Every structure is written in C-alpha cells, then in structure tokens.
C-alpha cells in the first residue's frame, strides 16, 4: 500500500465517517475562519460548515471550540 502524501485526504474505513476541520487565521490574528466536513469512505459529504470565528493563537484550540459551538 502506498503512503499518503502530505495534505492528501485519507479515507476512513468502510462504514465509518471522518470529520475534517481547519482554521485559517490572518497573520495579525484579527480575523479567522473555520470550515469542516463529515465524509464517508467514498468521499461523499454528509455534513459541512464554514464561518467566521474568534481568532486564537492556537489553531487546535480554535478548531475544538468552534466544532463544539456548531453541534
């Protein structure tokens, strides 16, 4: 089996879903956006979201807080 390249989407196991989230922040931390999607092993999208968010210096923290808000 070949290894995935950096940045390539890796499908989840059959009958599973995968949730991908990403945050983009301006270099001066005054604006930020977030987006995410829930896909199955075929790549079909079940749910997606995007929007503005509070800029935080830690991207993982921003992703977690915003996913929690959108549940």
Protein backbone atom coordinates (compact mmCIF):
# COMPACT_ATOMS: atom_id res chain seq x y z
CA UNK A 1 0.00 0.00 0.00
CA UNK A 2 1.37 3.44 -0.88
CA UNK A 3 1.74 6.11 1.77
CA UNK A 4 -0.47 9.20 1.51
CA UNK A 5 1.20 12.46 0.54
CA UNK A 6 1.16 15.43 2.88
CA UNK A 7 -2.17 17.18 2.58
CA UNK A 8 -3.93 14.26 0.85
CA UNK A 9 -7.26 13.12 2.23
CA UNK A 10 -7.14 9.58 3.61
CA UNK A 11 -10.46 7.78 3.53
CA UNK A 12 -11.84 6.24 6.73
CA UNK A 13 -12.55 2.51 6.99
CA UNK A 14 -15.72 1.25 5.26
CA UNK A 15 -18.92 2.01 7.19
CA UNK A 16 -17.13 4.83 9.05
CA UNK A 17 -17.19 8.61 8.86
CA UNK A 18 -14.28 11.05 9.03
CA UNK A 19 -14.53 14.62 10.30
CA UNK A 20 -12.01 17.13 8.92
CA UNK A 21 -11.73 20.66 10.35
CA UNK A 22 -9.42 23.52 9.51
CA UNK A 23 -8.94 27.09 10.74
CA UNK A 24 -7.35 29.92 8.80
CA UNK A 25 -6.05 32.97 10.68
CA UNK A 26 -4.66 36.25 9.35
CA UNK A 27 -1.07 36.89 10.33
CA UNK A 28 -2.03 39.68 12.75
CA UNK A 29 -4.68 37.47 14.46
CA UNK A 30 -7.53 39.93 13.90
CA UNK A 31 -9.66 37.69 11.62
CA UNK A 32 -10.19 33.94 11.38
CA UNK A 33 -12.41 31.46 9.50
CA UNK A 34 -13.23 27.82 10.12
CA UNK A 35 -14.59 25.07 7.93
CA UNK A 36 -15.17 21.38 8.16
CA UNK A 37 -16.89 18.39 6.61
CA UNK A 38 -18.00 14.90 7.55
CA UNK A 39 -17.36 12.29 4.82
CA UNK A 40 -17.68 8.55 4.39
CA UNK A 41 -15.19 6.12 2.82
CA UNK A 42 -16.39 7.01 -0.71
CA UNK A 43 -15.77 10.73 -0.13
CA UNK A 44 -19.49 11.60 -0.01
CA UNK A 45 -20.13 14.61 2.21
CA UNK A 46 -22.73 14.12 4.95
CA UNK A 47 -22.35 17.48 6.64
CA UNK A 48 -20.27 20.62 6.14
CA UNK A 49 -19.91 24.01 7.76
CA UNK A 50 -17.91 27.22 7.49
CA UNK A 51 -17.90 30.62 9.10
CA UNK A 52 -16.06 33.36 10.90
CA UNK A 53 -14.60 32.60 14.29
CA UNK A 54 -12.74 34.22 17.15
CA UNK A 55 -9.04 34.40 16.30
CA UNK A 56 -6.91 32.36 18.68
CA UNK A 57 -3.16 31.90 18.52
CA UNK A 58 -3.54 28.13 18.91
CA UNK A 59 -5.22 26.62 15.84
CA UNK A 60 -6.17 23.35 17.58
CA UNK A 61 -7.91 25.29 20.33
CA UNK A 62 -9.89 27.32 17.77
CA UNK A 63 -10.91 24.16 15.90
CA UNK A 64 -12.13 22.39 19.04
CA UNK A 65 -14.04 25.36 20.41
CA UNK A 66 -15.80 26.03 17.11
CA UNK A 67 -16.75 22.41 16.46
CA UNK A 68 -18.28 22.35 19.94
CA UNK A 69 -20.30 25.54 19.18
CA UNK A 70 -21.71 24.14 15.94
CA UNK A 71 -23.04 20.85 17.35
